[in-house]
C-alpha atoms as a PDB file:
ATOM      1  CA  MET A   1     -53.077 -55.160  -5.644  1.00  0.00           C
ATOM      2  CA  TRP A   2     -56.729 -56.707  -6.557  1.00  0.00           C
ATOM      3  CA  PRO A   3     -57.129 -60.618  -6.660  1.00  0.00           C
ATOM      4  CA  ILE A   4     -57.017 -62.257 -10.051  1.00  0.00           C
ATOM      5  CA  HIS A   5     -60.277 -62.709 -12.139  1.00  0.00           C
ATOM      6  CA  PRO A   6     -60.995 -63.748 -15.776  1.00  0.00           C
ATOM      7  CA  LEU A   7     -59.305 -61.188 -18.444  1.00  0.00           C
ATOM      8  CA  SER A   8     -62.129 -59.979 -20.391  1.00  0.00           C
ATOM      9  CA  ALA A   9     -60.616 -56.722 -21.334  1.00  0.00           C
ATOM     10  CA  PHE A  10     -57.091 -58.326 -23.290  1.00  0.00           C
ATOM     11  CA  THR A  11     -55.770 -61.496 -24.630  1.00  0.00           C
ATOM     12  CA  LEU A  12     -52.672 -61.834 -22.726  1.00  0.00           C
ATOM     13  CA  GLY A  13     -49.863 -62.180 -24.733  1.00  0.00           C
ATOM     14  CA  LEU A  14     -47.083 -64.413 -23.300  1.00  0.00           C
ATOM     15  CA  ALA A  15     -47.294 -68.297 -24.210  1.00  0.00           C
ATOM     16  CA  LEU A  16     -45.284 -69.695 -21.462  1.00  0.00           C
ATOM     17  CA  THR A  17     -45.261 -72.576 -19.165  1.00  0.00           C
ATOM     18  CA  THR A  18     -45.457 -72.042 -15.550  1.00  0.00           C
ATOM     19  CA  ALA A  19     -43.108 -74.112 -12.843  1.00  0.00           C
ATOM     20  CA  SER A  20     -42.637 -73.954  -9.026  1.00  0.00           C
ATOM     21  CA  SER A  21     -39.026 -73.052  -9.803  1.00  0.00           C
ATOM     22  CA  ALA A  22     -36.694 -70.649 -11.496  1.00  0.00           C
ATOM     23  CA  SER A  23     -36.683 -70.023 -15.187  1.00  0.00           C
ATOM     24  CA  PRO A  24     -33.459 -70.919 -17.101  1.00  0.00           C
ATOM     25  CA  VAL A  25     -33.837 -67.472 -19.030  1.00  0.00           C
ATOM     26  CA  LYS A  26     -30.897 -65.283 -19.110  1.00  0.00           C
ATOM     27  CA  ALA A  27     -30.709 -61.604 -19.905  1.00  0.00           C
ATOM     28  CA  GLN A  28     -29.723 -60.734 -23.376  1.00  0.00           C
ATOM     29  CA  GLY A  29     -29.021 -57.701 -24.989  1.00  0.00           C
ATOM     30  CA  GLY A  30     -30.463 -55.232 -22.301  1.00  0.00           C
ATOM     31  CA  ALA A  31     -33.927 -56.617 -22.391  1.00  0.00           C
ATOM     32  CA  PRO A  32     -35.979 -58.104 -19.238  1.00  0.00           C
ATOM     33  CA  TRP A  33     -35.237 -61.512 -18.501  1.00  0.00           C
ATOM     34  CA  LEU A  34     -37.924 -64.088 -16.491  1.00  0.00           C
ATOM     35  CA  ALA A  35     -36.825 -64.461 -13.326  1.00  0.00           C
ATOM     36  CA  ILE A  36     -39.289 -66.506 -11.809  1.00  0.00           C
ATOM     37  CA  ASN A  37     -41.020 -68.712 -14.018  1.00  0.00           C
ATOM     38  CA  SER A  38     -44.186 -69.145 -11.306  1.00  0.00           C
ATOM     39  CA  ASN A  39     -46.663 -67.120  -9.894  1.00  0.00           C
ATOM     40  CA  PHE A  40     -44.840 -64.205  -7.877  1.00  0.00           C
ATOM     41  CA  PRO A  41     -46.679 -60.874  -8.082  1.00  0.00           C
ATOM     42  CA  ASP A  42     -45.311 -57.905  -6.796  1.00  0.00           C
ATOM     43  CA  PRO A  43     -41.809 -58.869  -5.861  1.00  0.00           C
ATOM     44  CA  SER A  44     -39.743 -56.857  -3.503  1.00  0.00           C
ATOM     45  CA  PHE A  45     -35.696 -57.758  -2.680  1.00  0.00           C
ATOM     46  CA  VAL A  46     -33.167 -57.252  -0.262  1.00  0.00           C
ATOM     47  CA  ARG A  47     -29.751 -58.352  -0.092  1.00  0.00           C
ATOM     48  CA  GLY A  48     -28.808 -60.852   2.777  1.00  0.00           C
ATOM     49  CA  GLY A  49     -25.401 -60.628   4.809  1.00  0.00           C
ATOM     50  CA  ASP A  50     -24.339 -63.756   3.063  1.00  0.00           C
ATOM     51  CA  GLY A  51     -24.699 -61.735  -0.100  1.00  0.00           C
ATOM     52  CA  LEU A  52     -27.173 -63.179  -1.393  1.00  0.00           C
ATOM     53  CA  TRP A  53     -30.201 -61.725  -3.020  1.00  0.00           C
ATOM     54  CA  TYR A  54     -33.794 -62.389  -1.609  1.00  0.00           C
ATOM     55  CA  ALA A  55     -36.970 -61.775  -3.034  1.00  0.00           C
ATOM     56  CA  PHE A  56     -40.529 -61.862  -1.562  1.00  0.00           C
ATOM     57  CA  GLY A  57     -44.181 -61.944  -3.403  1.00  0.00           C
ATOM     58  CA  THR A  58     -47.565 -61.936  -3.120  1.00  0.00           C
ATOM     59  CA  ASN A  59     -49.293 -64.715  -1.646  1.00  0.00           C
ATOM     60  CA  GLY A  60     -49.072 -68.045  -4.128  1.00  0.00           C
ATOM     61  CA  ASN A  61     -48.031 -71.101  -4.177  1.00  0.00           C
ATOM     62  CA  GLY A  62     -49.563 -72.669  -1.356  1.00  0.00           C
ATOM     63  CA  LYS A  63     -47.590 -69.478   0.950  1.00  0.00           C
ATOM     64  CA  ARG A  64     -48.886 -66.147   2.459  1.00  0.00           C
ATOM     65  CA  VAL A  65     -45.452 -64.590   1.682  1.00  0.00           C
ATOM     66  CA  GLN A  66     -43.401 -66.284  -0.839  1.00  0.00           C
ATOM     67  CA  VAL A  67     -39.684 -65.960  -0.835  1.00  0.00           C
ATOM     68  CA  ALA A  68     -37.001 -66.884  -3.605  1.00  0.00           C
ATOM     69  CA  VAL A  69     -33.168 -66.420  -3.622  1.00  0.00           C
ATOM     70  CA  SER A  70     -30.715 -65.649  -5.972  1.00  0.00           C
ATOM     71  CA  HIS A  71     -26.722 -65.373  -5.842  1.00  0.00           C
ATOM     72  CA  ASP A  72     -26.347 -63.240  -8.923  1.00  0.00           C
ATOM     73  CA  PHE A  73     -29.724 -61.701  -9.710  1.00  0.00           C
ATOM     74  CA  VAL A  74     -30.324 -63.352 -12.904  1.00  0.00           C
ATOM     75  CA  SER A  75     -31.130 -67.036 -12.041  1.00  0.00           C
ATOM     76  CA  TRP A  76     -33.593 -67.389  -9.171  1.00  0.00           C
ATOM     77  CA  ASP A  77     -34.784 -70.370  -7.037  1.00  0.00           C
ATOM     78  CA  LEU A  78     -38.255 -70.519  -5.015  1.00  0.00           C
ATOM     79  CA  LEU A  79     -37.985 -71.798  -1.900  1.00  0.00           C
ATOM     80  CA  ASP A  80     -40.411 -73.897   0.228  1.00  0.00           C
ATOM     81  CA  ILE A  81     -40.881 -71.900   3.083  1.00  0.00           C
ATOM     82  CA  GLU A  82     -43.221 -69.621   4.665  1.00  0.00           C
ATOM     83  CA  ALA A  83     -41.997 -66.502   5.811  1.00  0.00           C
ATOM     84  CA  LEU A  84     -44.875 -65.129   7.691  1.00  0.00           C
ATOM     85  CA  PRO A  85     -46.342 -68.552   9.495  1.00  0.00           C
ATOM     86  CA  GLN A  86     -48.360 -66.664  12.090  1.00  0.00           C
ATOM     87  CA  LEU A  87     -50.928 -63.852  11.557  1.00  0.00           C
ATOM     88  CA  ALA A  88     -51.335 -60.594  13.648  1.00  0.00           C
ATOM     89  CA  PRO A  89     -54.314 -60.695  15.433  1.00  0.00           C
ATOM     90  CA  TRP A  90     -56.093 -57.388  13.009  1.00  0.00           C
ATOM     91  CA  GLU A  91     -56.109 -59.818   9.615  1.00  0.00           C
ATOM     92  CA  THR A  92     -57.726 -62.341   7.976  1.00  0.00           C
ATOM     93  CA  GLU A  93     -55.972 -65.452   6.605  1.00  0.00           C
ATOM     94  CA  ILE A  94     -56.373 -63.967   2.460  1.00  0.00           C
ATOM     95  CA  ASP A  95     -54.741 -61.571   0.964  1.00  0.00           C
ATOM     96  CA  HIS A  96     -50.923 -61.152   2.108  1.00  0.00           C
ATOM     97  CA  TRP A  97     -50.123 -58.771  -0.373  1.00  0.00           C
ATOM     98  CA  ALA A  98     -46.892 -57.024  -2.018  1.00  0.00           C
ATOM     99  CA  PRO A  99     -43.843 -57.700   0.900  1.00  0.00           C
ATOM    100  CA  ASP A 100     -41.193 -55.730   1.405  1.00  0.00           C
ATOM    101  CA  VAL A 101     -38.359 -56.203   3.302  1.00  0.00           C
ATOM    102  CA  ILE A 102     -35.499 -54.058   4.533  1.00  0.00           C
ATOM    103  CA  GLN A 103     -32.701 -54.388   7.297  1.00  0.00           C
ATOM    104  CA  ARG A 104     -32.451 -52.614  10.790  1.00  0.00           C
ATOM    105  CA  ASP A 105     -29.117 -51.240  11.968  1.00  0.00           C
ATOM    106  CA  ASP A 106     -29.286 -54.368  14.510  1.00  0.00           C
ATOM    107  CA  GLY A 107     -29.329 -57.016  11.809  1.00  0.00           C
ATOM    108  CA  ARG A 108     -32.698 -58.039  12.279  1.00  0.00           C
ATOM    109  CA  TYR A 109     -35.124 -57.588   9.145  1.00  0.00           C
ATOM    110  CA  VAL A 110     -38.564 -55.620   9.198  1.00  0.00           C
ATOM    111  CA  MET A 111     -40.893 -57.376   6.535  1.00  0.00           C
ATOM    112  CA  TYR A 112     -44.448 -54.843   5.353  1.00  0.00           C
ATOM    113  CA  TYR A 113     -47.345 -56.096   3.631  1.00  0.00           C
ATOM    114  CA  SER A 114     -50.807 -55.395   3.125  1.00  0.00           C
ATOM    115  CA  GLY A 115     -53.228 -57.757   4.770  1.00  0.00           C
ATOM    116  CA  GLU A 116     -57.227 -57.759   4.780  1.00  0.00           C
ATOM    117  CA  ALA A 117     -58.501 -56.149   7.664  1.00  0.00           C
ATOM    118  CA  LYS A 118     -61.284 -58.085   9.892  1.00  0.00           C
ATOM    119  CA  GLU A 119     -62.642 -55.147  10.587  1.00  0.00           C
ATOM    120  CA  MET A 120     -63.679 -54.192   6.951  1.00  0.00           C
ATOM    121  CA  VAL A 121     -62.980 -57.449   4.999  1.00  0.00           C
ATOM    122  CA  ARG A 122     -62.359 -56.794   1.389  1.00  0.00           C
ATOM    123  CA  HIS A 123     -60.338 -53.873   2.562  1.00  0.00           C
ATOM    124  CA  HIS A 124     -56.368 -53.859   3.984  1.00  0.00           C
ATOM    125  CA  CYS A 125     -53.828 -52.689   6.490  1.00  0.00           C
ATOM    126  CA  VAL A 126     -50.105 -52.423   6.330  1.00  0.00           C
ATOM    127  CA  GLY A 127     -48.611 -54.655   8.595  1.00  0.00           C
ATOM    128  CA  VAL A 128     -45.379 -55.107   9.928  1.00  0.00           C
ATOM    129  CA  ALA A 129     -43.310 -58.544  10.990  1.00  0.00           C
ATOM    130  CA  VAL A 130     -40.191 -58.692  12.550  1.00  0.00           C
ATOM    131  CA  SER A 131     -37.538 -61.599  11.700  1.00  0.00           C
ATOM    132  CA  LYS A 132     -36.921 -64.048  14.639  1.00  0.00           C
ATOM    133  CA  ASP A 133     -32.984 -63.035  13.885  1.00  0.00           C
ATOM    134  CA  THR A 134     -30.718 -62.181  11.267  1.00  0.00           C
ATOM    135  CA  ASP A 135     -32.088 -64.614   8.980  1.00  0.00           C
ATOM    136  CA  PRO A 136     -33.784 -62.538   6.033  1.00  0.00           C
ATOM    137  CA  ARG A 137     -35.570 -65.716   5.228  1.00  0.00           C
ATOM    138  CA  GLY A 138     -37.714 -65.548   8.526  1.00  0.00           C
ATOM    139  CA  PRO A 139     -39.692 -66.173  10.260  1.00  0.00           C
ATOM    140  CA  TYR A 140     -41.211 -63.184  10.875  1.00  0.00           C
ATOM    141  CA  ILE A 141     -43.356 -62.070  13.754  1.00  0.00           C
ATOM    142  CA  PRO A 142     -46.053 -59.952  13.121  1.00  0.00           C
ATOM    143  CA  ASN A 143     -46.797 -56.867  15.116  1.00  0.00           C
ATOM    144  CA  PRO A 144     -49.901 -57.018  17.041  1.00  0.00           C
ATOM    145  CA  GLU A 145     -51.255 -53.604  15.154  1.00  0.00           C
ATOM    146  CA  PRO A 146     -51.016 -52.517  11.959  1.00  0.00           C
ATOM    147  CA  LEU A 147     -48.658 -49.575  10.645  1.00  0.00           C
ATOM    148  CA  SER A 148     -51.454 -48.062   9.293  1.00  0.00           C
ATOM    149  CA  CYS A 149     -55.363 -48.590   8.355  1.00  0.00           C
ATOM    150  CA  ARG A 150     -56.711 -45.460   6.985  1.00  0.00           C
ATOM    151  CA  LEU A 151     -60.563 -47.914   6.468  1.00  0.00           C
ATOM    152  CA  ASP A 152     -62.243 -44.390   5.977  1.00  0.00           C
ATOM    153  CA  GLN A 153     -60.208 -43.841   2.990  1.00  0.00           C
ATOM    154  CA  GLY A 154     -60.693 -47.248   1.258  1.00  0.00           C
ATOM    155  CA  GLY A 155     -57.542 -48.896   3.602  1.00  0.00           C
ATOM    156  CA  SER A 156     -53.954 -48.989   3.248  1.00  0.00           C
ATOM    157  CA  ILE A 157     -51.583 -51.291   1.057  1.00  0.00           C
ATOM    158  CA  ASP A 158     -48.552 -51.458  -1.365  1.00  0.00           C
ATOM    159  CA  PRO A 159     -46.042 -50.582   1.781  1.00  0.00           C
ATOM    160  CA  SER A 160     -42.324 -49.855   0.900  1.00  0.00           C
ATOM    161  CA  GLY A 161     -39.340 -48.894   3.260  1.00  0.00           C
ATOM    162  CA  PHE A 162     -37.060 -46.342   2.868  1.00  0.00           C
ATOM    163  CA  LEU A 163     -34.034 -45.367   4.728  1.00  0.00           C
ATOM    164  CA  ASP A 164     -32.585 -41.677   4.009  1.00  0.00           C
ATOM    165  CA  LYS A 165     -29.180 -40.595   3.577  1.00  0.00           C
ATOM    166  CA  ASP A 166     -29.442 -38.961   7.567  1.00  0.00           C
ATOM    167  CA  GLY A 167     -30.459 -42.147   8.801  1.00  0.00           C
ATOM    168  CA  THR A 168     -34.287 -41.495   8.968  1.00  0.00           C
ATOM    169  CA  ARG A 169     -36.472 -44.400   8.168  1.00  0.00           C
ATOM    170  CA  TYR A 170     -39.796 -43.848   6.090  1.00  0.00           C
ATOM    171  CA  VAL A 171     -42.736 -46.208   4.455  1.00  0.00           C
ATOM    172  CA  VAL A 172     -44.728 -45.204   1.695  1.00  0.00           C
ATOM    173  CA  PHE A 173     -47.508 -46.611   0.845  1.00  0.00           C
ATOM    174  CA  LYS A 174     -51.073 -46.339  -0.885  1.00  0.00           C
ATOM    175  CA  VAL A 175     -54.272 -45.054   0.437  1.00  0.00           C
ATOM    176  CA  ASP A 176     -56.300 -47.718  -1.277  1.00  0.00           C
ATOM    177  CA  GLY A 177     -59.080 -45.235  -2.441  1.00  0.00           C
ATOM    178  CA  ASN A 178     -60.249 -47.043  -5.454  1.00  0.00           C
ATOM    179  CA  SER A 179     -61.683 -49.936  -3.365  1.00  0.00           C
ATOM    180  CA  ILE A 180     -64.464 -47.552  -2.527  1.00  0.00           C
ATOM    181  CA  GLY A 181     -65.113 -46.254  -6.064  1.00  0.00           C
ATOM    182  CA  ASN A 182     -67.737 -46.442  -7.773  1.00  0.00           C
ATOM    183  CA  GLY A 183     -67.424 -48.952 -10.212  1.00  0.00           C
ATOM    184  CA  GLY A 184     -65.591 -49.893 -13.439  1.00  0.00           C
ATOM    185  CA  ASP A 185     -62.030 -49.752 -14.218  1.00  0.00           C
ATOM    186  CA  CYS A 186     -60.303 -50.953 -10.710  1.00  0.00           C
ATOM    187  CA  ASN A 187     -63.459 -50.339  -9.249  1.00  0.00           C
ATOM    188  CA  ASN A 188     -62.911 -46.495  -9.861  1.00  0.00           C
ATOM    189  CA  GLY A 189     -63.759 -46.152 -13.452  1.00  0.00           C
ATOM    190  CA  ILE A 190     -67.004 -44.345 -12.855  1.00  0.00           C
ATOM    191  CA  ALA A 191     -67.122 -40.398 -11.840  1.00  0.00           C
ATOM    192  CA  PRO A 192     -66.893 -39.270  -9.145  1.00  0.00           C
ATOM    193  CA  LEU A 193     -63.211 -40.750  -9.273  1.00  0.00           C
ATOM    194  CA  LYS A 194     -61.679 -41.376  -5.930  1.00  0.00           C
ATOM    195  CA  PRO A 195     -57.923 -40.284  -4.894  1.00  0.00           C
ATOM    196  CA  THR A 196     -55.174 -42.752  -4.695  1.00  0.00           C
ATOM    197  CA  PRO A 197     -52.960 -41.235  -2.862  1.00  0.00           C
ATOM    198  CA  ILE A 198     -49.183 -42.146  -1.970  1.00  0.00           C
ATOM    199  CA  LEU A 199     -48.185 -41.276   1.647  1.00  0.00           C
ATOM    200  CA  LEU A 200     -44.660 -41.126   3.263  1.00  0.00           C
ATOM    201  CA  GLN A 201     -44.594 -42.128   6.894  1.00  0.00           C
ATOM    202  CA  PRO A 202     -41.303 -41.598   8.826  1.00  0.00           C
ATOM    203  CA  VAL A 203     -40.847 -44.318  11.297  1.00  0.00           C
ATOM    204  CA  ALA A 204     -38.170 -45.103  14.253  1.00  0.00           C
ATOM    205  CA  PRO A 205     -35.190 -46.949  13.855  1.00  0.00           C
ATOM    206  CA  ASP A 206     -37.338 -49.788  14.703  1.00  0.00           C
ATOM    207  CA  GLY A 207     -38.710 -49.523  11.108  1.00  0.00           C
ATOM    208  CA  PHE A 208     -41.959 -49.183  12.202  1.00  0.00           C
ATOM    209  CA  THR A 209     -43.238 -47.034  15.071  1.00  0.00           C
ATOM    210  CA  PRO A 210     -44.561 -43.716  13.449  1.00  0.00           C
ATOM    211  CA  VAL A 211     -42.948 -40.888  13.810  1.00  0.00           C
ATOM    212  CA  GLY A 212     -45.085 -37.745  13.449  1.00  0.00           C
ATOM    213  CA  GLU A 213     -47.855 -37.552  10.236  1.00  0.00           C
ATOM    214  CA  ALA A 214     -47.660 -38.823   6.998  1.00  0.00           C
ATOM    215  CA  VAL A 215     -47.171 -36.696   4.132  1.00  0.00           C
ATOM    216  CA  GLN A 216     -49.071 -37.058   0.814  1.00  0.00           C
ATOM    217  CA  ILE A 217     -46.058 -37.321  -2.208  1.00  0.00           C
ATOM    218  CA  LEU A 218     -48.122 -38.294  -5.032  1.00  0.00           C
ATOM    219  CA  ASP A 219     -51.948 -38.979  -6.208  1.00  0.00           C
ATOM    220  CA  ARG A 220     -53.593 -39.958  -9.599  1.00  0.00           C
ATOM    221  CA  ASP A 221     -54.532 -37.602 -12.360  1.00  0.00           C
ATOM    222  CA  ASP A 222     -56.290 -38.456 -15.648  1.00  0.00           C
ATOM    223  CA  ALA A 223     -52.992 -39.725 -17.610  1.00  0.00           C
ATOM    224  CA  ASP A 224     -52.675 -42.719 -14.727  1.00  0.00           C
ATOM    225  CA  GLY A 225     -56.210 -44.210 -15.174  1.00  0.00           C
ATOM    226  CA  PRO A 226     -57.968 -45.028 -12.428  1.00  0.00           C
ATOM    227  CA  LEU A 227     -55.028 -45.300  -9.638  1.00  0.00           C
ATOM    228  CA  VAL A 228     -51.151 -45.085  -8.863  1.00  0.00           C
ATOM    229  CA  GLU A 229     -49.789 -47.961  -6.974  1.00  0.00           C
ATOM    230  CA  ALA A 230     -47.133 -50.036  -5.897  1.00  0.00           C
ATOM    231  CA  PRO A 231     -44.823 -47.093  -4.651  1.00  0.00           C
ATOM    232  CA  ASN A 232     -40.431 -47.474  -4.273  1.00  0.00           C
ATOM    233  CA  LEU A 233     -38.424 -44.468  -3.407  1.00  0.00           C
ATOM    234  CA  ILE A 234     -34.806 -44.335  -3.866  1.00  0.00           C
ATOM    235  CA  LEU A 235     -32.370 -41.388  -3.637  1.00  0.00           C
ATOM    236  CA  HIS A 236     -29.758 -41.463  -6.716  1.00  0.00           C
ATOM    237  CA  GLY A 237     -27.058 -38.261  -6.069  1.00  0.00           C
ATOM    238  CA  ASP A 238     -29.028 -35.507  -4.741  1.00  0.00           C
ATOM    239  CA  THR A 239     -32.440 -36.562  -6.568  1.00  0.00           C
ATOM    240  CA  TYR A 240     -35.244 -38.721  -4.689  1.00  0.00           C
ATOM    241  CA  PHE A 241     -36.859 -41.241  -7.691  1.00  0.00           C
ATOM    242  CA  LEU A 242     -40.521 -42.440  -6.997  1.00  0.00           C
ATOM    243  CA  PHE A 243     -41.877 -45.501  -8.773  1.00  0.00           C
ATOM    244  CA  TYR A 244     -44.870 -46.322  -9.350  1.00  0.00           C
ATOM    245  CA  SER A 245     -47.722 -48.026 -11.292  1.00  0.00           C
ATOM    246  CA  THR A 246     -50.526 -46.714 -13.089  1.00  0.00           C
ATOM    247  CA  HIS A 247     -54.285 -47.853 -14.441  1.00  0.00           C
ATOM    248  CA  CYS A 248     -55.694 -51.159 -13.266  1.00  0.00           C
ATOM    249  CA  PHE A 249     -53.001 -54.527 -12.908  1.00  0.00           C
ATOM    250  CA  THR A 250     -55.550 -56.545 -15.431  1.00  0.00           C
ATOM    251  CA  ASP A 251     -55.523 -53.594 -17.888  1.00  0.00           C
ATOM    252  CA  PRO A 252     -52.792 -53.560 -20.898  1.00  0.00           C
ATOM    253  CA  ARG A 253     -52.135 -50.130 -20.016  1.00  0.00           C
ATOM    254  CA  TYR A 254     -50.366 -50.596 -16.380  1.00  0.00           C
ATOM    255  CA  ASP A 255     -46.938 -50.204 -16.290  1.00  0.00           C
ATOM    256  CA  VAL A 256     -43.876 -48.725 -14.434  1.00  0.00           C
ATOM    257  CA  ARG A 257     -43.475 -45.237 -14.688  1.00  0.00           C
ATOM    258  CA  TYR A 258     -41.318 -42.670 -12.114  1.00  0.00           C
ATOM    259  CA  ALA A 259     -41.604 -39.125 -10.703  1.00  0.00           C
ATOM    260  CA  THR A 260     -38.626 -37.426  -9.374  1.00  0.00           C
ATOM    261  CA  SER A 261     -37.509 -34.491  -6.334  1.00  0.00           C
ATOM    262  CA  LYS A 262     -34.808 -32.643  -4.993  1.00  0.00           C
ATOM    263  CA  SER A 263     -36.360 -33.011  -1.329  1.00  0.00           C
ATOM    264  CA  ILE A 264     -37.706 -36.083   0.202  1.00  0.00           C
ATOM    265  CA  THR A 265     -41.568 -34.651   1.379  1.00  0.00           C
ATOM    266  CA  GLY A 266     -41.359 -33.346  -2.886  1.00  0.00           C
ATOM    267  CA  PRO A 267     -43.259 -31.875  -4.594  1.00  0.00           C
ATOM    268  CA  TYR A 268     -42.443 -35.117  -6.997  1.00  0.00           C
ATOM    269  CA  VAL A 269     -43.009 -34.189 -10.645  1.00  0.00           C
ATOM    270  CA  LYS A 270     -44.115 -36.833 -12.633  1.00  0.00           C
ATOM    271  CA  THR A 271     -42.023 -37.689 -16.105  1.00  0.00           C
ATOM    272  CA  GLY A 272     -44.590 -39.193 -18.177  1.00  0.00           C
ATOM    273  CA  ALA A 273     -41.593 -41.742 -18.984  1.00  0.00           C
ATOM    274  CA  LYS A 274     -42.982 -45.449 -19.423  1.00  0.00           C
ATOM    275  CA  LEU A 275     -40.003 -47.378 -18.060  1.00  0.00           C
ATOM    276  CA  LEU A 276     -41.969 -50.530 -18.566  1.00  0.00           C
ATOM    277  CA  GLN A 277     -45.114 -51.156 -20.804  1.00  0.00           C
ATOM    278  CA  SER A 278     -47.086 -53.793 -22.500  1.00  0.00           C
ATOM    279  CA  GLY A 279     -45.501 -54.654 -26.090  1.00  0.00           C
ATOM    280  CA  ASN A 280     -41.944 -53.793 -24.896  1.00  0.00           C
ATOM    281  CA  PHE A 281     -39.916 -57.027 -24.744  1.00  0.00           C
ATOM    282  CA  GLY A 282     -43.000 -58.956 -24.950  1.00  0.00           C
ATOM    283  CA  LEU A 283     -44.465 -57.927 -21.669  1.00  0.00           C
ATOM    284  CA  THR A 284     -47.946 -57.718 -20.909  1.00  0.00           C
ATOM    285  CA  SER A 285     -48.889 -55.788 -17.708  1.00  0.00           C
ATOM    286  CA  PRO A 286     -45.590 -55.006 -16.279  1.00  0.00           C
ATOM    287  CA  GLY A 287     -45.736 -53.470 -12.862  1.00  0.00           C
ATOM    288  CA  GLY A 288     -45.355 -53.765  -8.921  1.00  0.00           C
ATOM    289  CA  GLY A 289     -41.619 -52.846  -9.745  1.00  0.00           C
ATOM    290  CA  THR A 290     -38.822 -52.875  -6.779  1.00  0.00           C
ATOM    291  CA  VAL A 291     -35.728 -50.682  -7.402  1.00  0.00           C
ATOM    292  CA  CYS A 292     -32.428 -51.221  -5.959  1.00  0.00           C
ATOM    293  CA  GLY A 293     -31.260 -48.584  -3.591  1.00  0.00           C
ATOM    294  CA  CYS A 294     -27.939 -48.362  -5.681  1.00  0.00           C
ATOM    295  CA  GLY A 295     -30.446 -47.319  -9.200  1.00  0.00           C
ATOM    296  CA  ASP A 296     -28.666 -50.606 -11.247  1.00  0.00           C
ATOM    297  CA  ARG A 297     -31.753 -53.301 -11.415  1.00  0.00           C
ATOM    298  CA  ILE A 298     -35.212 -53.941 -10.792  1.00  0.00           C
ATOM    299  CA  LEU A 299     -37.614 -56.827 -10.206  1.00  0.00           C
ATOM    300  CA  PHE A 300     -41.465 -56.449 -11.211  1.00  0.00           C
ATOM    301  CA  HIS A 301     -44.289 -58.746 -12.447  1.00  0.00           C
ATOM    302  CA  GLY A 302     -45.775 -59.087 -15.706  1.00  0.00           C
ATOM    303  CA  PHE A 303     -49.037 -61.707 -16.952  1.00  0.00           C
ATOM    304  CA  CYS A 304     -47.037 -65.006 -18.040  1.00  0.00           C
ATOM    305  CA  GLY A 305     -50.865 -67.148 -17.954  1.00  0.00           C
ATOM    306  CA  THR A 306     -54.398 -65.871 -18.065  1.00  0.00           C
ATOM    307  CA  ASP A 307     -54.235 -65.958 -14.140  1.00  0.00           C
ATOM    308  CA  THR A 308     -50.213 -65.932 -13.809  1.00  0.00           C
ATOM    309  CA  ARG A 309     -47.951 -63.514 -13.106  1.00  0.00           C
ATOM    310  CA  CYS A 310     -44.589 -64.090 -13.180  1.00  0.00           C
ATOM    311  CA  THR A 311     -41.361 -62.046 -12.032  1.00  0.00           C
ATOM    312  CA  TYR A 312     -38.994 -60.529 -14.284  1.00  0.00           C
ATOM    313  CA  ALA A 313     -35.746 -58.915 -14.050  1.00  0.00           C
ATOM    314  CA  ALA A 314     -34.018 -55.767 -15.665  1.00  0.00           C
ATOM    315  CA  ASN A 315     -30.709 -53.717 -15.268  1.00  0.00           C
ATOM    316  CA  LEU A 316     -31.000 -50.037 -15.141  1.00  0.00           C
ATOM    317  CA  SER A 317     -28.839 -46.824 -15.588  1.00  0.00           C
ATOM    318  CA  ILE A 318     -29.628 -43.497 -13.957  1.00  0.00           C
ATOM    319  CA  GLU A 319     -28.529 -40.674 -15.984  1.00  0.00           C
ATOM    320  CA  GLY A 320     -29.202 -37.383 -14.363  1.00  0.00           C
ATOM    321  CA  ASP A 321     -33.174 -37.591 -13.779  1.00  0.00           C
ATOM    322  CA  ARG A 322     -33.801 -39.951 -16.415  1.00  0.00           C
ATOM    323  CA  VAL A 323     -34.227 -43.601 -15.996  1.00  0.00           C
ATOM    324  CA  VAL A 324     -33.180 -46.003 -18.619  1.00  0.00           C
ATOM    325  CA  LEU A 325     -32.949 -50.410 -19.112  1.00  0.00           C
ATOM    326  CA  VAL A 326     -29.470 -51.187 -20.037  1.00  0.00           C
END
């Protein structure tokens, strides 16, 4: 994800008043609904041991990592807490993007996030932080070393954890090739275009120690514009679904798509289906989606003001290899 700047490519289509609390908007007619009426980009979520849903968002509202809570996945409250109160030695203060949280077998939570690398500013690494106890709200204590940097390829961003049916843990993330592109659309619109591959990294039961080498499972093609990003992996039945976004997040073509595979390591076949796109349900540039492992719900962001990305929610159904909004 890239920092917000004034949008010149299009006029944002939603006229919503932002606030620092949840919106009263409810789900109607199977359409997505406004869940967090505030700047809360790149949402992920986890269900706590208390039965509540906890969402985590990119830096905003004065927090490095934002946290919201819901008892029903419909109405959400933005909490006035800082989930990541301290930094690791490798990272700067800015750009804490796309946090994703999983629960380990020992009951503690692991947060993956993108942070700016001191070694190469404006480029990023995947950081890891572990909850101090079994409270999903944190605080999270960062590991001294990042999980992945790959700065020579542009950096590593947009991590997401996954637990396979055999108990193996993985982290999927994007190699941020467009950050070293030749300019243009999301810095990767001028040939030769850089690859922006999605990698799958096996990790130990602790959730962060790499086991073997990462495997590439997806990359951009001409239909994706300058990039693919925001990967999120689930298993439904015997099919792996890899959700991702294409194009630049400031572009009206930004969307949520998915690819499928019968094997965790691929090959993943792009379906071409646009699960969420601008214009549908009044959304503008929807993306950064996280889908429940159960396959029945999603959080994602979309523009709700000139420089504000609110969080939206929707109910899903998976029918064979097809994902639909319900």
